[in-house]
């Protein structure tokens, strides 16, 4: 299914969390914390000013980003769990 976010929203794929600790212990699924890091899958065209001028997005598809722990809305598209969030929920781009 093709999905394109509107306005200043982005579609984000979470990165996979660690399966083991540095000491080698396996972390069960129930104890894993969802990572606040992901990759931008697609972006809307940007927000609009009161005058109607477009404010371009600061992120693009393929960027690795950090976002707040409770940011976004979880959706399932084609069997894959993704997040839809506003660009303002993104804390920064990982270089």
PDB file of N, CA and C in Angstrom:
ATOM      1  N   UNK A   1       0.845  -1.170   0.000  1.00  0.00           N
ATOM      2  CA  UNK A   1       0.000   0.000   0.000  1.00  0.00           C
ATOM      3  C   UNK A   1       0.893   1.237   0.000  1.00  0.00           C
ATOM      4  N   UNK A   2       0.641   2.155  -0.893  1.00  0.00           N
ATOM      5  CA  UNK A   2       1.405   3.403  -0.937  1.00  0.00           C
ATOM      6  C   UNK A   2       0.782   4.384   0.055  1.00  0.00           C
ATOM      7  N   UNK A   3       1.617   5.054   0.827  1.00  0.00           N
ATOM      8  CA  UNK A   3       1.137   6.017   1.816  1.00  0.00           C
ATOM      9  C   UNK A   3       2.018   7.252   1.757  1.00  0.00           C
ATOM     10  N   UNK A   4       1.427   8.411   1.627  1.00  0.00           N
ATOM     11  CA  UNK A   4       2.147   9.685   1.597  1.00  0.00           C
ATOM     12  C   UNK A   4       1.585  10.565   2.709  1.00  0.00           C
ATOM     13  N   UNK A   5       2.402  10.927   3.705  1.00  0.00           N
ATOM     14  CA  UNK A   5       1.926  11.812   4.769  1.00  0.00           C
ATOM     15  C   UNK A   5       1.568  13.194   4.218  1.00  0.00           C
ATOM     16  N   UNK A   6       0.648  13.851   4.875  1.00  0.00           N
ATOM     17  CA  UNK A   6       0.233  15.189   4.464  1.00  0.00           C
ATOM     18  C   UNK A   6       0.923  16.260   5.302  1.00  0.00           C
ATOM     19  N   UNK A   7       1.045  17.435   4.730  1.00  0.00           N
ATOM     20  CA  UNK A   7       1.536  18.647   5.389  1.00  0.00           C
ATOM     21  C   UNK A   7       2.903  18.421   6.036  1.00  0.00           C
ATOM     22  N   UNK A   8       3.011  18.627   7.357  1.00  0.00           N
ATOM     23  CA  UNK A   8       4.315  18.531   8.033  1.00  0.00           C
ATOM     24  C   UNK A   8       4.453  17.223   8.814  1.00  0.00           C
ATOM     25  N   UNK A   9       3.858  16.167   8.297  1.00  0.00           N
ATOM     26  CA  UNK A   9       3.962  14.863   8.957  1.00  0.00           C
ATOM     27  C   UNK A   9       4.969  13.975   8.224  1.00  0.00           C
ATOM     28  N   UNK A  10       5.539  13.030   8.976  1.00  0.00           N
ATOM     29  CA  UNK A  10       6.508  12.086   8.420  1.00  0.00           C
ATOM     30  C   UNK A  10       6.124  10.671   8.821  1.00  0.00           C
ATOM     31  N   UNK A  11       6.516   9.710   8.007  1.00  0.00           N
ATOM     32  CA  UNK A  11       6.328   8.297   8.287  1.00  0.00           C
ATOM     33  C   UNK A  11       7.694   7.746   8.680  1.00  0.00           C
ATOM     34  N   UNK A  12       7.785   7.128   9.870  1.00  0.00           N
ATOM     35  CA  UNK A  12       9.068   6.693  10.432  1.00  0.00           C
ATOM     36  C   UNK A  12       9.044   5.198  10.724  1.00  0.00           C
ATOM     37  N   UNK A  13      10.133   4.531  10.376  1.00  0.00           N
ATOM     38  CA  UNK A  13      10.340   3.119  10.715  1.00  0.00           C
ATOM     39  C   UNK A  13      11.323   3.083  11.884  1.00  0.00           C
ATOM     40  N   UNK A  14      10.901   2.495  12.997  1.00  0.00           N
ATOM     41  CA  UNK A  14      11.802   2.377  14.156  1.00  0.00           C
ATOM     42  C   UNK A  14      12.973   1.467  13.813  1.00  0.00           C
ATOM     43  N   UNK A  15      14.128   1.772  14.407  1.00  0.00           N
ATOM     44  CA  UNK A  15      15.262   0.855  14.268  1.00  0.00           C
ATOM     45  C   UNK A  15      15.041  -0.292  15.239  1.00  0.00           C
ATOM     46  N   UNK A  16      15.590  -1.445  14.922  1.00  0.00           N
ATOM     47  CA  UNK A  16      15.414  -2.634  15.759  1.00  0.00           C
ATOM     48  C   UNK A  16      16.248  -2.481  17.023  1.00  0.00           C
ATOM     49  N   UNK A  17      15.642  -2.752  18.179  1.00  0.00           N
ATOM     50  CA  UNK A  17      16.338  -2.653  19.459  1.00  0.00           C
ATOM     51  C   UNK A  17      17.338  -3.777  19.654  1.00  0.00           C
ATOM     52  N   UNK A  18      18.191  -3.607  20.623  1.00  0.00           N
ATOM     53  CA  UNK A  18      19.211  -4.615  20.931  1.00  0.00           C
ATOM     54  C   UNK A  18      18.565  -5.877  21.480  1.00  0.00           C
ATOM     55  N   UNK A  19      19.047  -7.022  21.047  1.00  0.00           N
ATOM     56  CA  UNK A  19      18.568  -8.325  21.518  1.00  0.00           C
ATOM     57  C   UNK A  19      19.320  -8.770  22.772  1.00  0.00           C
ATOM     58  N   UNK A  20      20.565  -8.296  22.916  1.00  0.00           N
ATOM     59  CA  UNK A  20      21.397  -8.693  24.054  1.00  0.00           C
ATOM     60  C   UNK A  20      21.994  -7.459  24.714  1.00  0.00           C
ATOM     61  N   UNK A  21      22.332  -7.600  25.996  1.00  0.00           N
ATOM     62  CA  UNK A  21      23.053  -6.548  26.692  1.00  0.00           C
ATOM     63  C   UNK A  21      24.530  -6.651  26.322  1.00  0.00           C
ATOM     64  N   UNK A  22      25.313  -5.673  26.717  1.00  0.00           N
ATOM     65  CA  UNK A  22      26.756  -5.721  26.432  1.00  0.00           C
ATOM     66  C   UNK A  22      27.416  -6.896  27.122  1.00  0.00           C
ATOM     67  N   UNK A  23      26.824  -7.346  28.237  1.00  0.00           N
ATOM     68  CA  UNK A  23      27.367  -8.489  28.963  1.00  0.00           C
ATOM     69  C   UNK A  23      26.955  -9.833  28.386  1.00  0.00           C
ATOM     70  N   UNK A  24      26.060  -9.820  27.357  1.00  0.00           N
ATOM     71  CA  UNK A  24      25.671 -11.050  26.698  1.00  0.00           C
ATOM     72  C   UNK A  24      24.329 -11.617  27.129  1.00  0.00           C
ATOM     73  N   UNK A  25      23.624 -10.939  28.057  1.00  0.00           N
ATOM     74  CA  UNK A  25      22.321 -11.426  28.486  1.00  0.00           C
ATOM     75  C   UNK A  25      21.275 -11.133  27.415  1.00  0.00           C
ATOM     76  N   UNK A  26      20.400 -12.082  27.164  1.00  0.00           N
ATOM     77  CA  UNK A  26      19.338 -11.902  26.172  1.00  0.00           C
ATOM     78  C   UNK A  26      18.176 -11.163  26.837  1.00  0.00           C
ATOM     79  N   UNK A  27      17.689 -10.123  26.160  1.00  0.00           N
ATOM     80  CA  UNK A  27      16.593  -9.316  26.687  1.00  0.00           C
ATOM     81  C   UNK A  27      15.270  -9.860  26.140  1.00  0.00           C
ATOM     82  N   UNK A  28      14.334 -10.269  27.029  1.00  0.00           N
ATOM     83  CA  UNK A  28      13.045 -10.764  26.532  1.00  0.00           C
ATOM     84  C   UNK A  28      12.215  -9.619  25.949  1.00  0.00           C
ATOM     85  N   UNK A  29      11.296  -9.940  25.016  1.00  0.00           N
ATOM     86  CA  UNK A  29      10.468  -8.924  24.361  1.00  0.00           C
ATOM     87  C   UNK A  29       9.696  -8.074  25.362  1.00  0.00           C
ATOM     88  N   UNK A  30       9.232  -8.679  26.455  1.00  0.00           N
ATOM     89  CA  UNK A  30       8.430  -7.932  27.427  1.00  0.00           C
ATOM     90  C   UNK A  30       9.250  -6.875  28.172  1.00  0.00           C
ATOM     91  N   UNK A  31      10.567  -7.018  28.208  1.00  0.00           N
ATOM     92  CA  UNK A  31      11.424  -6.080  28.931  1.00  0.00           C
ATOM     93  C   UNK A  31      12.077  -5.045  28.016  1.00  0.00           C
ATOM     94  N   UNK A  32      11.913  -5.211  26.704  1.00  0.00           N
ATOM     95  CA  UNK A  32      12.548  -4.290  25.767  1.00  0.00           C
ATOM     96  C   UNK A  32      11.829  -2.951  25.767  1.00  0.00           C
ATOM     97  N   UNK A  33      12.611  -1.907  25.712  1.00  0.00           N
ATOM     98  CA  UNK A  33      12.056  -0.568  25.577  1.00  0.00           C
ATOM     99  C   UNK A  33      12.112  -0.204  24.096  1.00  0.00           C
ATOM    100  N   UNK A  34      11.020   0.362  23.588  1.00  0.00           N
ATOM    101  CA  UNK A  34      10.996   0.737  22.178  1.00  0.00           C
ATOM    102  C   UNK A  34      11.993   1.862  21.951  1.00  0.00           C
ATOM    103  N   UNK A  35      12.847   1.729  20.949  1.00  0.00           N
ATOM    104  CA  UNK A  35      13.848   2.761  20.701  1.00  0.00           C
ATOM    105  C   UNK A  35      13.208   4.038  20.179  1.00  0.00           C
ATOM    106  N   UNK A  36      13.820   5.170  20.506  1.00  0.00           N
ATOM    107  CA  UNK A  36      13.343   6.471  20.042  1.00  0.00           C
ATOM    108  C   UNK A  36      14.211   6.929  18.872  1.00  0.00           C
ATOM    109  N   UNK A  37      14.593   5.974  18.051  1.00  0.00           N
ATOM    110  CA  UNK A  37      15.428   6.248  16.883  1.00  0.00           C
ATOM    111  C   UNK A  37      14.776   5.561  15.698  1.00  0.00           C
ATOM    112  N   UNK A  38      14.819   6.215  14.547  1.00  0.00           N
ATOM    113  CA  UNK A  38      14.192   5.620  13.382  1.00  0.00           C
ATOM    114  C   UNK A  38      14.706   6.210  12.089  1.00  0.00           C
ATOM    115  N   UNK A  39      14.151   5.696  10.999  1.00  0.00           N
ATOM    116  CA  UNK A  39      14.509   6.164   9.667  1.00  0.00           C
ATOM    117  C   UNK A  39      13.255   6.705   8.996  1.00  0.00           C
ATOM    118  N   UNK A  40      13.375   7.866   8.373  1.00  0.00           N
ATOM    119  CA  UNK A  40      12.256   8.479   7.672  1.00  0.00           C
ATOM    120  C   UNK A  40      11.946   7.651   6.420  1.00  0.00           C
ATOM    121  N   UNK A  41      10.703   7.213   6.289  1.00  0.00           N
ATOM    122  CA  UNK A  41      10.269   6.448   5.122  1.00  0.00           C
ATOM    123  C   UNK A  41       9.732   7.410   4.062  1.00  0.00           C
ATOM    124  N   UNK A  42       8.886   8.348   4.474  1.00  0.00           N
ATOM    125  CA  UNK A  42       8.369   9.353   3.551  1.00  0.00           C
ATOM    126  C   UNK A  42       7.951  10.597   4.329  1.00  0.00           C
ATOM    127  N   UNK A  43       7.858  11.715   3.605  1.00  0.00           N
ATOM    128  CA  UNK A  43       7.541  13.015   4.204  1.00  0.00           C
ATOM    129  C   UNK A  43       6.421  13.690   3.439  1.00  0.00           C
ATOM    130  N   UNK A  44       5.688  14.534   4.154  1.00  0.00           N
ATOM    131  CA  UNK A  44       4.730  15.407   3.494  1.00  0.00           C
ATOM    132  C   UNK A  44       5.488  16.545   2.823  1.00  0.00           C
ATOM    133  N   UNK A  45       4.760  17.448   2.193  1.00  0.00           N
ATOM    134  CA  UNK A  45       5.426  18.538   1.471  1.00  0.00           C
ATOM    135  C   UNK A  45       5.838  19.688   2.373  1.00  0.00           C
ATOM    136  N   UNK A  46       5.294  19.779   3.572  1.00  0.00           N
ATOM    137  CA  UNK A  46       5.662  20.825   4.508  1.00  0.00           C
ATOM    138  C   UNK A  46       4.447  21.585   4.997  1.00  0.00           C
ATOM    139  N   UNK A  47       4.655  22.387   6.021  1.00  0.00           N
ATOM    140  CA  UNK A  47       3.577  23.199   6.595  1.00  0.00           C
ATOM    141  C   UNK A  47       3.390  24.460   5.753  1.00  0.00           C
ATOM    142  N   UNK A  48       2.305  25.166   6.022  1.00  0.00           N
ATOM    143  CA  UNK A  48       2.018  26.413   5.318  1.00  0.00           C
ATOM    144  C   UNK A  48       1.979  27.569   6.312  1.00  0.00           C
ATOM    145  N   UNK A  49       2.534  28.708   5.895  1.00  0.00           N
ATOM    146  CA  UNK A  49       2.439  29.932   6.682  1.00  0.00           C
ATOM    147  C   UNK A  49       1.025  30.486   6.534  1.00  0.00           C
ATOM    148  N   UNK A  50       0.685  31.493   7.323  1.00  0.00           N
ATOM    149  CA  UNK A  50      -0.621  32.137   7.213  1.00  0.00           C
ATOM    150  C   UNK A  50      -0.828  32.748   5.830  1.00  0.00           C
ATOM    151  N   UNK A  51       0.255  33.131   5.188  1.00  0.00           N
ATOM    152  CA  UNK A  51       0.170  33.722   3.850  1.00  0.00           C
ATOM    153  C   UNK A  51      -0.005  32.670   2.766  1.00  0.00           C
ATOM    154  N   UNK A  52       0.114  31.389   3.122  1.00  0.00           N
ATOM    155  CA  UNK A  52      -0.025  30.307   2.156  1.00  0.00           C
ATOM    156  C   UNK A  52       1.299  29.810   1.606  1.00  0.00           C
ATOM    157  N   UNK A  53       2.396  30.482   1.957  1.00  0.00           N
ATOM    158  CA  UNK A  53       3.717  30.057   1.498  1.00  0.00           C
ATOM    159  C   UNK A  53       4.102  28.738   2.165  1.00  0.00           C
ATOM    160  N   UNK A  54       4.764  27.877   1.413  1.00  0.00           N
ATOM    161  CA  UNK A  54       5.187  26.565   1.910  1.00  0.00           C
ATOM    162  C   UNK A  54       6.457  26.688   2.738  1.00  0.00           C
ATOM    163  N   UNK A  55       6.468  26.039   3.898  1.00  0.00           N
ATOM    164  CA  UNK A  55       7.673  25.923   4.721  1.00  0.00           C
ATOM    165  C   UNK A  55       8.240  24.532   4.436  1.00  0.00           C
ATOM    166  N   UNK A  56       9.377  24.440   3.731  1.00  0.00           N
ATOM    167  CA  UNK A  56       9.890  23.115   3.358  1.00  0.00           C
ATOM    168  C   UNK A  56      10.306  22.290   4.577  1.00  0.00           C
ATOM    169  N   UNK A  57      10.270  20.978   4.409  1.00  0.00           N
ATOM    170  CA  UNK A  57      10.643  20.058   5.487  1.00  0.00           C
ATOM    171  C   UNK A  57      12.155  20.084   5.688  1.00  0.00           C
ATOM    172  N   UNK A  58      12.587  19.930   6.939  1.00  0.00           N
ATOM    173  CA  UNK A  58      14.013  19.897   7.264  1.00  0.00           C
ATOM    174  C   UNK A  58      14.568  18.480   7.152  1.00  0.00           C
ATOM    175  N   UNK A  59      13.676  17.479   7.055  1.00  0.00           N
ATOM    176  CA  UNK A  59      14.098  16.087   6.931  1.00  0.00           C
ATOM    177  C   UNK A  59      13.644  15.544   5.579  1.00  0.00           C
ATOM    178  N   UNK A  60      14.256  14.429   5.184  1.00  0.00           N
ATOM    179  CA  UNK A  60      13.881  13.794   3.919  1.00  0.00           C
ATOM    180  C   UNK A  60      13.910  12.276   4.104  1.00  0.00           C
ATOM    181  N   UNK A  61      13.327  11.554   3.178  1.00  0.00           N
ATOM    182  CA  UNK A  61      13.321  10.089   3.234  1.00  0.00           C
ATOM    183  C   UNK A  61      14.759   9.575   3.312  1.00  0.00           C
ATOM    184  N   UNK A  62      14.986   8.624   4.206  1.00  0.00           N
ATOM    185  CA  UNK A  62      16.319   8.041   4.377  1.00  0.00           C
ATOM    186  C   UNK A  62      17.084   8.615   5.556  1.00  0.00           C
ATOM    187  N   UNK A  63      16.670   9.785   6.087  1.00  0.00           N
ATOM    188  CA  UNK A  63      17.348  10.376   7.242  1.00  0.00           C
ATOM    189  C   UNK A  63      17.119   9.522   8.482  1.00  0.00           C
ATOM    190  N   UNK A  64      18.164   9.364   9.300  1.00  0.00           N
ATOM    191  CA  UNK A  64      18.033   8.699  10.596  1.00  0.00           C
ATOM    192  C   UNK A  64      17.799   9.788  11.633  1.00  0.00           C
ATOM    193  N   UNK A  65      16.759   9.611  12.452  1.00  0.00           N
ATOM    194  CA  UNK A  65      16.344  10.662  13.373  1.00  0.00           C
ATOM    195  C   UNK A  65      16.127  10.126  14.782  1.00  0.00           C
ATOM    196  N   UNK A  66      16.168  11.046  15.743  1.00  0.00           N
ATOM    197  CA  UNK A  66      15.783  10.778  17.123  1.00  0.00           C
ATOM    198  C   UNK A  66      14.474  11.503  17.370  1.00  0.00           C
ATOM    199  N   UNK A  67      13.576  10.866  18.122  1.00  0.00           N
ATOM    200  CA  UNK A  67      12.299  11.486  18.428  1.00  0.00           C
ATOM    201  C   UNK A  67      11.938  11.189  19.872  1.00  0.00           C
ATOM    202  N   UNK A  68      10.963  11.922  20.398  1.00  0.00           N
ATOM    203  CA  UNK A  68      10.542  11.752  21.783  1.00  0.00           C
ATOM    204  C   UNK A  68       9.949  10.367  22.027  1.00  0.00           C
ATOM    205  N   UNK A  69      10.050   9.908  23.257  1.00  0.00           N
ATOM    206  CA  UNK A  69       9.613   8.564  23.636  1.00  0.00           C
ATOM    207  C   UNK A  69       8.130   8.331  23.333  1.00  0.00           C
ATOM    208  N   UNK A  70       7.297   9.321  23.537  1.00  0.00           N
ATOM    209  CA  UNK A  70       5.857   9.167  23.343  1.00  0.00           C
ATOM    210  C   UNK A  70       5.379   9.830  22.051  1.00  0.00           C
ATOM    211  N   UNK A  71       6.268  10.096  21.119  1.00  0.00           N
ATOM    212  CA  UNK A  71       5.909  10.785  19.874  1.00  0.00           C
ATOM    213  C   UNK A  71       5.222   9.859  18.892  1.00  0.00           C
ATOM    214  N   UNK A  72       4.337  10.427  18.108  1.00  0.00           N
ATOM    215  CA  UNK A  72       3.758   9.736  16.975  1.00  0.00           C
ATOM    216  C   UNK A  72       2.598   8.818  17.284  1.00  0.00           C
ATOM    217  N   UNK A  73       1.989   8.360  16.210  1.00  0.00           N
ATOM    218  CA  UNK A  73       0.876   7.418  16.255  1.00  0.00           C
ATOM    219  C   UNK A  73       1.314   6.150  15.538  1.00  0.00           C
ATOM    220  N   UNK A  74       1.180   5.009  16.205  1.00  0.00           N
ATOM    221  CA  UNK A  74       1.588   3.747  15.604  1.00  0.00           C
ATOM    222  C   UNK A  74       0.539   3.282  14.609  1.00  0.00           C
ATOM    223  N   UNK A  75       0.994   2.891  13.422  1.00  0.00           N
ATOM    224  CA  UNK A  75       0.122   2.351  12.384  1.00  0.00           C
ATOM    225  C   UNK A  75       0.785   1.103  11.804  1.00  0.00           C
ATOM    226  N   UNK A  76      -0.023   0.230  11.218  1.00  0.00           N
ATOM    227  CA  UNK A  76       0.503  -0.952  10.544  1.00  0.00           C
ATOM    228  C   UNK A  76       0.160  -0.839   9.068  1.00  0.00           C
ATOM    229  N   UNK A  77       1.180  -0.794   8.221  1.00  0.00           N
ATOM    230  CA  UNK A  77       1.007  -0.727   6.773  1.00  0.00           C
ATOM    231  C   UNK A  77       1.733  -1.905   6.148  1.00  0.00           C
ATOM    232  N   UNK A  78       1.014  -2.709   5.398  1.00  0.00           N
ATOM    233  CA  UNK A  78       1.577  -3.903   4.758  1.00  0.00           C
ATOM    234  C   UNK A  78       2.278  -4.813   5.759  1.00  0.00           C
ATOM    235  N   UNK A  79       1.710  -4.940   6.957  1.00  0.00           N
ATOM    236  CA  UNK A  79       2.261  -5.815   7.981  1.00  0.00           C
ATOM    237  C   UNK A  79       3.453  -5.252   8.731  1.00  0.00           C
ATOM    238  N   UNK A  80       3.829  -4.022   8.455  1.00  0.00           N
ATOM    239  CA  UNK A  80       4.980  -3.405   9.113  1.00  0.00           C
ATOM    240  C   UNK A  80       4.500  -2.299  10.054  1.00  0.00           C
ATOM    241  N   UNK A  81       5.027  -2.305  11.286  1.00  0.00           N
ATOM    242  CA  UNK A  81       4.656  -1.269  12.252  1.00  0.00           C
ATOM    243  C   UNK A  81       5.481  -0.014  12.009  1.00  0.00           C
ATOM    244  N   UNK A  82       4.795   1.108  11.778  1.00  0.00           N
ATOM    245  CA  UNK A  82       5.435   2.382  11.508  1.00  0.00           C
ATOM    246  C   UNK A  82       4.833   3.449  12.407  1.00  0.00           C
ATOM    247  N   UNK A  83       5.449   4.615  12.412  1.00  0.00           N
ATOM    248  CA  UNK A  83       4.952   5.756  13.187  1.00  0.00           C
ATOM    249  C   UNK A  83       4.660   6.920  12.258  1.00  0.00           C
ATOM    250  N   UNK A  84       3.558   7.609  12.507  1.00  0.00           N
ATOM    251  CA  UNK A  84       3.279   8.863  11.828  1.00  0.00           C
ATOM    252  C   UNK A  84       3.411   9.951  12.888  1.00  0.00           C
ATOM    253  N   UNK A  85       4.237  10.953  12.599  1.00  0.00           N
ATOM    254  CA  UNK A  85       4.432  12.041  13.569  1.00  0.00           C
ATOM    255  C   UNK A  85       4.647  13.352  12.840  1.00  0.00           C
ATOM    256  N   UNK A  86       4.467  14.426  13.583  1.00  0.00           N
ATOM    257  CA  UNK A  86       4.744  15.753  13.039  1.00  0.00           C
ATOM    258  C   UNK A  86       6.256  15.968  13.021  1.00  0.00           C
ATOM    259  N   UNK A  87       6.686  16.794  12.106  1.00  0.00           N
ATOM    260  CA  UNK A  87       8.109  17.091  12.014  1.00  0.00           C
ATOM    261  C   UNK A  87       8.626  17.705  13.314  1.00  0.00           C
ATOM    262  N   UNK A  88       7.798  18.450  14.001  1.00  0.00           N
ATOM    263  CA  UNK A  88       8.217  19.090  15.264  1.00  0.00           C
ATOM    264  C   UNK A  88       8.473  18.085  16.387  1.00  0.00           C
ATOM    265  N   UNK A  89       7.974  16.829  16.253  1.00  0.00           N
ATOM    266  CA  UNK A  89       8.250  15.783  17.241  1.00  0.00           C
ATOM    267  C   UNK A  89       9.655  15.207  17.107  1.00  0.00           C
ATOM    268  N   UNK A  90      10.308  15.482  15.985  1.00  0.00           N
ATOM    269  CA  UNK A  90      11.662  14.985  15.739  1.00  0.00           C
ATOM    270  C   UNK A  90      12.652  15.890  16.456  1.00  0.00           C
ATOM    271  N   UNK A  91      13.518  15.269  17.247  1.00  0.00           N
ATOM    272  CA  UNK A  91      14.499  16.024  18.044  1.00  0.00           C
ATOM    273  C   UNK A  91      15.742  16.374  17.250  1.00  0.00           C
ATOM    274  N   UNK A  92      16.124  15.524  16.304  1.00  0.00           N
ATOM    275  CA  UNK A  92      17.316  15.812  15.513  1.00  0.00           C
ATOM    276  C   UNK A  92      17.616  14.703  14.528  1.00  0.00           C
ATOM    277  N   UNK A  93      18.520  15.027  13.595  1.00  0.00           N
ATOM    278  CA  UNK A  93      18.964  14.075  12.580  1.00  0.00           C
ATOM    279  C   UNK A  93      20.306  13.510  13.015  1.00  0.00           C
ATOM    280  N   UNK A  94      20.453  12.186  12.909  1.00  0.00           N
ATOM    281  CA  UNK A  94      21.712  11.525  13.269  1.00  0.00           C
ATOM    282  C   UNK A  94      22.607  11.556  12.035  1.00  0.00           C
ATOM    283  N   UNK A  95      23.786  12.167  12.159  1.00  0.00           N
ATOM    284  CA  UNK A  95      24.699  12.280  11.019  1.00  0.00           C
ATOM    285  C   UNK A  95      25.528  11.034  10.845  1.00  0.00           C
TER     286      UNK A  95
END
